[in-house]
Protein backbone atom coordinates (compact mmCIF):
# COMPACT_ATOMS: atom_id res chain seq x y z
CA MET A 1 0.00 0.00 0.00
CA ALA A 2 1.07 3.61 -0.52
CA LYS A 3 0.92 5.65 2.67
CA ILE A 4 0.47 9.37 2.08
CA LYS A 5 -0.62 12.31 4.20
CA PRO A 6 -1.69 15.94 3.77
CA PHE A 7 0.61 18.69 5.01
CA LYS A 8 0.77 22.40 5.82
CA GLY A 9 2.40 23.64 2.65
CA ILE A 10 4.61 26.72 2.61
CA ARG A 11 3.69 28.78 -0.46
CA PRO A 12 4.10 32.20 -2.00
CA PRO A 13 1.16 34.61 -1.90
CA LYS A 14 -0.79 34.52 -5.14
CA GLU A 15 0.58 37.86 -6.35
CA LEU A 16 4.22 36.72 -5.86
CA VAL A 17 4.11 33.19 -7.26
CA GLU A 18 5.62 34.04 -10.64
CA GLN A 19 8.51 35.88 -8.99
CA VAL A 20 9.22 33.04 -6.55
CA ALA A 21 8.68 29.92 -8.69
CA SER A 22 11.62 28.55 -10.65
CA ARG A 23 12.84 25.64 -12.70
CA PRO A 24 14.30 22.68 -10.71
CA TYR A 25 17.84 22.99 -9.39
CA ASP A 26 19.24 20.28 -11.66
CA VAL A 27 18.11 21.46 -15.10
CA LEU A 28 20.38 24.50 -15.29
CA ASN A 29 23.86 25.52 -14.19
CA SER A 30 24.87 28.24 -11.77
CA GLU A 31 25.36 30.91 -14.40
CA GLU A 32 22.00 30.20 -16.02
CA ALA A 33 20.34 30.48 -12.60
CA ARG A 34 22.23 33.70 -11.91
CA GLU A 35 20.95 35.16 -15.16
CA GLU A 36 17.34 34.05 -14.60
CA ALA A 37 17.33 35.46 -11.06
CA LYS A 38 18.93 38.77 -12.03
CA GLY A 39 17.06 41.67 -10.45
CA ASN A 40 14.66 39.33 -8.61
CA GLU A 41 15.40 38.99 -4.90
CA LYS A 42 12.37 36.72 -4.50
CA SER A 43 13.58 34.00 -6.91
CA LEU A 44 13.64 30.50 -5.41
CA TYR A 45 17.05 30.06 -7.03
CA ARG A 46 18.37 31.96 -4.00
CA ILE A 47 17.38 28.91 -1.94
CA ILE A 48 17.91 26.00 -4.35
CA LYS A 49 20.99 27.44 -6.10
CA PRO A 50 22.28 29.86 -3.46
CA GLU A 51 25.76 30.02 -5.03
CA ILE A 52 24.27 32.78 -7.19
CA ASP A 53 24.54 35.06 -4.14
CA PHE A 54 28.32 34.50 -4.09
CA PRO A 55 31.04 35.61 -6.51
CA VAL A 56 31.14 33.79 -9.86
CA GLY A 57 33.12 30.57 -9.54
CA THR A 58 32.14 29.83 -5.93
CA ASP A 59 31.87 26.07 -5.33
CA GLU A 60 28.19 25.23 -5.04
CA HIS A 61 29.08 22.53 -2.50
CA ASP A 62 30.88 24.90 -0.13
CA ALA A 63 29.46 24.79 3.41
CA ALA A 64 28.79 28.54 3.28
CA VAL A 65 26.58 28.02 0.22
CA TYR A 66 24.35 25.51 2.02
CA GLU A 67 24.12 27.87 4.99
CA LYS A 68 23.10 30.65 2.62
CA ALA A 69 20.23 28.47 1.41
CA ALA A 70 18.91 28.18 4.98
CA GLU A 71 19.45 31.91 5.59
CA ASN A 72 17.49 32.79 2.45
CA PHE A 73 14.73 30.29 3.25
CA GLN A 74 14.29 31.96 6.63
CA LEU A 75 14.40 35.42 5.03
CA PHE A 76 11.69 34.50 2.51
CA GLN A 77 9.42 33.48 5.39
CA GLU A 78 10.17 36.57 7.46
CA LYS A 79 9.38 38.84 4.51
CA GLY A 80 6.15 37.01 3.71
CA TRP A 81 7.35 35.75 0.33
CA LEU A 82 6.64 32.23 1.60
CA VAL A 83 3.75 31.62 4.01
CA GLN A 84 2.72 28.37 5.70
CA ASP A 85 -0.88 27.19 5.39
CA ALA A 86 -2.76 26.86 8.66
CA GLU A 87 -4.21 23.41 7.96
CA GLU A 88 -2.94 20.14 6.54
CA GLN A 89 -4.23 19.69 3.01
CA TYR A 90 -3.44 18.27 -0.39
CA TYR A 91 -2.86 20.30 -3.54
CA LEU A 92 -3.67 19.67 -7.18
CA TYR A 93 -0.99 20.77 -9.66
CA ALA A 94 -1.59 20.89 -13.43
CA GLN A 95 1.08 21.36 -16.08
CA THR A 96 0.30 22.27 -19.68
CA MET A 97 2.77 21.76 -22.54
CA ASN A 98 1.97 21.89 -26.25
CA GLY A 99 -1.76 21.87 -25.54
CA LYS A 100 -1.64 18.78 -23.29
CA THR A 101 -2.41 19.06 -19.56
CA GLN A 102 -1.46 16.54 -16.86
CA TYR A 103 -2.80 16.66 -13.29
CA GLY A 104 -0.80 15.62 -10.23
CA LEU A 105 -1.67 15.42 -6.55
CA VAL A 106 0.84 17.10 -4.23
CA VAL A 107 1.17 14.86 -1.18
CA CYS A 108 3.60 13.76 1.47
CA ALA A 109 4.91 10.27 0.70
CA CYS A 110 6.22 7.95 3.40
CA VAL A 111 9.93 7.45 4.10
CA ASP A 112 9.24 3.89 5.22
CA ASP A 113 7.58 3.11 1.87
CA TYR A 114 10.75 4.24 0.11
CA MET A 115 13.04 2.22 2.35
CA LYS A 116 10.88 -0.93 1.96
CA GLY A 117 10.62 -0.61 -1.83
CA ASN A 118 6.93 0.29 -2.01
CA ILE A 119 8.10 3.43 -3.76
CA LYS A 120 9.85 1.88 -6.73
CA LYS A 121 12.82 3.27 -8.63
CA HIS A 122 14.16 2.52 -12.09
CA GLU A 123 17.54 4.25 -11.89
CA LEU A 124 20.61 3.93 -9.71
CA THR A 125 21.64 6.96 -7.67
CA ARG A 126 25.10 8.38 -7.12
CA ARG A 127 26.21 8.82 -3.51
CA ASP A 128 27.77 12.26 -4.15
CA LYS A 129 24.51 13.59 -5.57
CA GLU A 130 22.52 12.04 -2.74
CA GLU A 131 24.79 13.70 -0.19
CA ASP A 132 24.44 17.08 -1.89
CA ARG A 133 20.64 16.93 -1.63
CA MET A 134 20.81 15.51 1.90
CA LYS A 135 22.84 18.53 2.99
CA HIS A 136 20.25 20.79 1.41
CA VAL A 137 17.37 19.03 3.20
CA ARG A 138 19.25 19.00 6.52
CA VAL A 139 20.21 22.66 6.51
CA ASN A 140 16.72 23.84 5.53
CA ASN A 141 14.86 21.19 7.54
CA ALA A 142 12.50 21.07 4.58
CA ASN A 143 11.83 19.54 1.17
CA ILE A 144 12.14 22.70 -0.88
CA GLU A 145 11.48 20.91 -4.18
CA PRO A 146 9.08 18.02 -4.84
CA VAL A 147 9.83 14.70 -6.47
CA PHE A 148 7.82 13.39 -9.43
CA PHE A 149 5.90 10.12 -8.93
CA ALA A 150 3.55 8.06 -11.10
CA TYR A 151 0.74 5.88 -9.82
CA PRO A 152 -1.52 3.28 -11.51
CA ASP A 153 -4.65 4.82 -12.99
CA ASN A 154 -7.58 5.14 -10.59
CA ALA A 155 -11.05 6.27 -11.69
CA GLU A 156 -12.14 7.61 -8.31
CA LEU A 157 -9.00 9.71 -7.92
CA ASP A 158 -9.59 10.97 -11.46
CA ALA A 159 -13.08 12.09 -10.40
CA ILE A 160 -11.79 13.99 -7.37
CA VAL A 161 -9.13 15.65 -9.51
CA LYS A 162 -11.75 16.64 -12.09
CA LYS A 163 -13.94 18.21 -9.40
CA TYR A 164 -11.14 20.49 -8.21
CA ALA A 165 -9.85 21.26 -11.70
CA GLU A 166 -13.24 22.81 -12.46
CA LYS A 167 -12.85 25.28 -9.58
CA THR A 168 -11.04 28.62 -9.57
CA PRO A 169 -7.32 27.89 -9.08
CA GLU A 170 -5.04 29.38 -6.46
CA TYR A 171 -2.26 29.90 -9.03
CA ASP A 172 -2.51 30.00 -12.80
CA PHE A 173 0.36 31.30 -14.93
CA VAL A 174 2.49 30.57 -17.97
CA ALA A 175 6.25 30.53 -17.36
CA GLU A 176 7.91 33.11 -19.55
CA LEU A 177 11.01 31.09 -20.36
CA ASP A 178 9.40 27.94 -21.78
CA SER A 179 5.71 28.92 -22.18
CA PHE A 180 4.56 25.95 -20.06
CA GLY A 181 1.40 26.49 -18.03
CA HIS A 182 1.32 25.92 -14.26
CA THR A 183 -1.95 25.80 -12.28
CA LEU A 184 -2.49 24.90 -8.62
CA TRP A 185 -5.61 24.29 -6.53
CA VAL A 186 -5.90 23.71 -2.78
CA ILE A 187 -7.74 20.55 -1.69
CA ASP A 188 -9.05 21.55 1.73
CA ASP A 189 -12.29 19.58 2.07
CA LYS A 190 -11.73 17.11 4.91
CA ALA A 191 -13.84 14.38 3.34
CA ASP A 192 -11.91 14.62 0.07
CA ILE A 193 -8.60 14.63 1.95
CA ALA A 194 -9.60 11.49 3.84
CA ARG A 195 -10.79 9.74 0.69
CA ILE A 196 -7.61 10.54 -1.24
CA THR A 197 -5.58 9.09 1.64
CA GLU A 198 -7.75 5.93 1.64
CA LEU A 199 -7.52 5.48 -2.13
CA PHE A 200 -3.73 5.67 -2.06
CA GLU A 201 -3.68 3.04 0.71
CA ALA A 202 -5.17 0.62 -1.85
CA ILE A 203 -2.43 1.36 -4.40
CA PRO A 204 0.34 -1.26 -4.09
CA SER A 205 3.23 0.91 -5.32
CA LEU A 206 4.26 4.38 -6.39
CA TYR A 207 6.90 4.85 -9.08
CA ILE A 208 9.63 7.48 -9.17
CA ALA A 209 9.41 9.14 -12.56
CA ASP A 210 11.88 11.97 -11.94
CA GLY A 211 13.86 12.87 -8.84
CA HIS A 212 15.68 9.70 -7.79
CA HIS A 213 18.38 11.65 -5.92
CA ARG A 214 15.87 13.93 -4.19
CA SER A 215 13.80 10.90 -3.16
CA ALA A 216 16.82 9.07 -1.75
CA ALA A 217 18.06 12.18 0.05
CA ALA A 218 14.68 12.95 1.61
CA ALA A 219 14.23 9.36 2.79
CA LEU A 220 17.76 9.06 4.20
CA VAL A 221 17.42 12.32 6.12
CA GLY A 222 14.14 11.02 7.52
CA VAL A 223 15.89 7.85 8.69
CA GLU A 224 18.66 9.96 10.27
CA LYS A 225 16.16 12.08 12.17
CA ALA A 226 14.32 9.00 13.41
CA LYS A 227 17.57 7.59 14.84
CA GLN A 228 18.41 10.92 16.47
CA ASN A 229 15.03 11.21 18.20
CA PRO A 230 14.81 9.08 21.38
CA ASP A 231 11.05 9.67 21.43
CA HIS A 232 10.51 8.74 17.78
CA LYS A 233 6.94 7.54 17.14
CA GLY A 234 6.72 7.34 13.34
CA ASP A 235 4.17 10.07 12.74
CA GLU A 236 6.59 12.99 12.89
CA GLU A 237 6.76 15.24 9.84
CA TYR A 238 10.31 14.09 9.00
CA ASN A 239 8.88 10.63 8.26
CA PHE A 240 7.36 12.06 5.07
CA PHE A 241 8.59 13.91 2.01
CA MET A 242 6.87 15.94 -0.69
CA ALA A 243 5.92 14.40 -4.02
CA VAL A 244 3.66 15.23 -6.93
CA CYS A 245 1.84 12.06 -8.01
CA PHE A 246 0.49 11.76 -11.57
CA PRO A 247 -1.58 8.91 -13.05
CA ALA A 248 0.71 6.92 -15.31
CA ASN A 249 -1.56 7.24 -18.34
CA GLN A 250 -1.06 11.02 -18.41
CA LEU A 251 2.73 10.93 -18.55
CA THR A 252 4.99 10.94 -21.58
CA ILE A 253 8.67 10.06 -21.59
CA ILE A 254 10.69 11.82 -24.25
CA ASP A 255 14.01 10.81 -25.75
CA TYR A 256 17.31 11.17 -23.88
CA ASN A 257 20.13 11.36 -26.37
CA ARG A 258 23.92 10.98 -26.46
CA VAL A 259 26.85 12.96 -27.87
CA VAL A 260 30.41 11.60 -27.95
CA LYS A 261 33.69 13.51 -28.28
CA ASP A 262 35.59 11.08 -30.56
CA LEU A 263 35.38 7.84 -32.54
CA ASN A 264 37.85 5.91 -30.39
CA GLY A 265 40.62 6.18 -33.01
CA LEU A 266 38.42 5.16 -35.94
CA THR A 267 37.84 7.05 -39.18
CA GLU A 268 34.24 7.90 -40.00
CA GLN A 269 34.07 5.12 -42.59
CA GLU A 270 35.60 2.56 -40.23
CA PHE A 271 33.03 3.54 -37.61
CA LEU A 272 30.16 3.15 -40.08
CA ASP A 273 31.54 -0.22 -41.21
CA LYS A 274 31.61 -1.47 -37.63
CA LEU A 275 28.05 -0.26 -37.10
CA ALA A 276 26.93 -2.30 -40.11
CA VAL A 277 27.76 -5.54 -38.28
CA ASN A 278 24.78 -5.16 -35.91
CA PHE A 279 22.69 -2.47 -37.59
CA ILE A 280 21.12 -1.74 -40.95
CA VAL A 281 22.77 1.59 -41.76
CA GLU A 282 20.96 3.98 -44.11
CA GLU A 283 22.23 7.43 -45.05
CA LYS A 284 19.47 10.07 -44.71
CA GLY A 285 21.30 13.20 -45.86
CA GLU A 286 21.44 16.64 -44.24
CA ASP A 287 17.80 16.89 -43.06
CA LEU A 288 17.11 16.07 -39.39
CA TYR A 289 16.20 12.41 -38.94
CA LYS A 290 14.20 11.26 -35.90
CA PRO A 291 14.03 7.60 -34.85
CA ALA A 292 10.80 6.11 -36.18
CA ALA A 293 10.22 3.17 -33.81
CA LEU A 294 11.77 0.97 -31.15
CA HIS A 295 15.21 -0.36 -32.14
CA ASN A 296 15.66 2.42 -34.70
CA PHE A 297 18.30 5.05 -33.94
CA SER A 298 19.33 8.34 -35.45
CA LEU A 299 23.04 9.05 -35.93
CA TYR A 300 24.63 12.37 -36.86
CA LEU A 301 28.18 12.24 -38.18
CA GLY A 302 30.16 14.31 -40.66
CA ASN A 303 27.26 16.66 -41.52
CA LYS A 304 24.99 13.72 -42.38
CA TRP A 305 22.15 11.90 -40.64
CA TYR A 306 21.89 8.12 -40.65
CA SER A 307 19.17 5.65 -39.69
CA LEU A 308 20.42 2.66 -37.67
CA THR A 309 18.07 -0.29 -37.24
CA ALA A 310 19.16 -3.08 -34.90
CA LYS A 311 19.30 -6.41 -36.70
CA PRO A 312 17.24 -9.37 -35.42
CA GLY A 313 19.20 -11.35 -32.86
CA THR A 314 21.01 -8.34 -31.43
CA TYR A 315 18.45 -7.95 -28.60
CA ASN A 316 16.14 -10.13 -26.55
CA ASP A 317 12.46 -9.15 -26.51
CA ASN A 318 11.93 -11.26 -23.39
CA ASP A 319 14.55 -9.38 -21.37
CA PRO A 320 13.04 -6.18 -19.89
CA ILE A 321 16.47 -4.52 -19.77
CA GLY A 322 18.06 -6.10 -22.83
CA VAL A 323 15.19 -5.01 -25.09
CA LEU A 324 15.65 -1.32 -24.23
CA ASP A 325 17.18 0.80 -26.97
CA VAL A 326 19.43 2.42 -24.39
CA THR A 327 20.85 -1.04 -23.61
CA ILE A 328 21.27 -1.94 -27.29
CA SER A 329 23.07 1.31 -28.06
CA SER A 330 25.17 1.18 -24.89
CA ASN A 331 26.35 -2.37 -25.56
CA LEU A 332 26.72 -2.42 -29.36
CA ILE A 333 27.82 1.15 -30.08
CA LEU A 334 29.13 2.97 -27.02
CA ASP A 335 30.91 0.02 -25.41
CA GLU A 336 31.79 -2.37 -28.25
CA ILE A 337 32.84 0.26 -30.83
CA LEU A 338 33.59 3.47 -28.95
CA GLY A 339 35.04 1.95 -25.79
CA ILE A 340 32.75 3.79 -23.37
CA LYS A 341 32.26 1.35 -20.51
CA ASP A 342 30.73 3.53 -17.77
CA LEU A 343 28.10 6.06 -18.78
CA ARG A 344 28.19 7.63 -15.31
CA SER A 345 31.85 8.54 -15.24
CA ASP A 346 33.29 8.60 -18.78
CA LYS A 347 34.13 12.19 -19.73
CA ARG A 348 33.95 11.44 -23.48
CA ILE A 349 30.15 11.27 -23.45
CA ASP A 350 27.42 13.74 -22.60
CA PHE A 351 23.62 13.51 -22.55
CA VAL A 352 21.01 15.79 -24.10
CA GLY A 353 17.34 15.80 -23.12
CA GLY A 354 14.97 15.44 -26.05
CA ILE A 355 13.25 18.70 -25.13
CA ARG A 356 16.23 20.46 -26.75
CA GLY A 357 15.48 18.81 -30.08
CA LEU A 358 17.70 17.11 -32.66
CA GLY A 359 19.01 20.52 -33.65
CA GLU A 360 20.93 20.65 -30.37
CA LEU A 361 22.71 17.39 -31.28
CA LYS A 362 23.64 18.76 -34.70
CA LYS A 363 24.85 22.01 -33.16
CA ARG A 364 27.17 20.28 -30.71
CA VAL A 365 28.71 18.11 -33.42
CA ASP A 366 28.97 20.91 -36.00
CA SER A 367 30.73 23.12 -33.43
CA GLY A 368 33.55 20.58 -33.12
CA GLU A 369 32.84 20.03 -29.43
CA MET A 370 31.51 16.54 -30.21
CA LYS A 371 32.23 14.10 -33.03
CA VAL A 372 29.04 12.05 -33.21
CA ALA A 373 25.47 12.20 -31.88
CA LEU A 374 23.01 9.39 -31.25
CA ALA A 375 19.26 9.88 -30.82
CA LEU A 376 17.07 7.17 -29.28
CA TYR A 377 13.39 6.31 -29.49
CA PRO A 378 11.86 7.08 -26.07
CA VAL A 379 11.06 4.48 -23.42
CA SER A 380 7.36 3.92 -22.67
CA MET A 381 5.70 4.24 -19.25
CA LYS A 382 4.78 0.55 -19.51
CA GLN A 383 8.46 -0.37 -19.91
CA LEU A 384 9.38 1.81 -16.93
CA ILE A 385 6.74 0.23 -14.69
CA ASP A 386 7.57 -3.32 -15.84
CA ILE A 387 11.23 -2.74 -15.04
CA ALA A 388 10.50 -1.24 -11.63
CA ASP A 389 8.04 -4.05 -10.79
CA THR A 390 10.61 -6.74 -11.62
CA GLY A 391 13.24 -5.06 -9.45
CA ASN A 392 15.42 -4.19 -12.41
CA ILE A 393 17.29 -0.93 -12.95
CA MET A 394 17.49 0.95 -16.24
CA PRO A 395 20.87 2.01 -17.59
CA PRO A 396 21.87 5.60 -16.76
CA LYS A 397 20.25 8.52 -18.59
CA THR A 398 17.34 6.54 -20.01
CA THR A 399 14.28 8.67 -19.26
CA TRP A 400 13.51 12.36 -19.65
CA PHE A 401 10.18 13.66 -18.41
CA GLU A 402 8.81 16.97 -19.59
CA PRO A 403 7.46 19.35 -18.47
CA LYS A 404 9.54 19.51 -15.30
CA LEU A 405 7.84 20.30 -12.02
CA ARG A 406 7.97 23.98 -11.14
CA SER A 407 9.75 24.53 -7.83
CA GLY A 408 8.45 26.94 -5.22
CA LEU A 409 4.72 26.38 -5.63
CA VAL A 410 4.63 24.35 -2.40
CA ILE A 411 7.33 23.51 0.17
CA HIS A 412 7.19 20.91 2.95
CA LYS A 413 8.77 21.55 6.35
CA LEU A 414 10.09 18.58 8.32
CA VAL A 415 8.89 20.04 11.65
């Protein structure tokens, strides 16, 4: 079962929400955050990327930077830029991109569910990134940014969501930078709150869509606090962390692509010849070519696009990991031909979210920064859930969800 609870969210007043709300901490670098926050003292970047309040070049992992996050969080509350709700409640958060809207319930998920595997993951986490987010949670004593969960479709939850979506929202704005719409309603009816909690109790598992490091960090800090509290009971606020839960049928995973700095000593023709062992290679010319189906890849090399189609026998349809295009490309191209063994640590490879388009891949190769680009057909939600349910882990950099959750609409304090 999935244990959730309502909480007293900390939120910006309606008239300040567009000044406070920001993109997530991990989708932009320090200089991009500095530029977006320029002239805006109320930007959440001053809490989630507080290095922008220091001289350019300051290490974002410096102890003083984390302390600045806590200082700014306190300042925002003192100035009334963030205000805590008086009652525990749920929230409904809608995102609109390219005319499509998805509706998520903002809840507090249970640390114990994460530790026991009832909240299922599909990616490995890196300890250094976990520790970074743990420091941020510790110093603020809060989950400043939510994680992104999926849950199996549920008709009664859909009906409750529909009821609130027809009401006047608390927030409703379009972000200037990406033109994505963000709308939030408060669910304050006690009967609805109780029913939502009951309905989630009947759901066997929740699935992490985006935010594996934030989920791990929040859960591990909760475990720490439990151990430090001699009077720990299990219902303390630190036993829960903030998540936005979307029905799986509303979510779309987009492609997550690769760019590589060199051909591992091969000429372009030698590289193409080696590809032809396991793939049907077709030259497509100078026009952008997007993968058309599973096991079809798009390659950009030497000012030309190529279609690569994995030959029968190069993958196993009965293996939930082996059938993934990210596995096929990692094994047969990146490892076998280009000598890239560890996607997490090899400096010769970088990853580009599909939201940036194939033009970004072309740009990075044409600039000389990279030698070759590889675009993949996106993973499906069914594949993600099947992998999580079987206890398997996807290879690194497999999924990219869009739109990203807006940070700063709701914050959860651990006290």
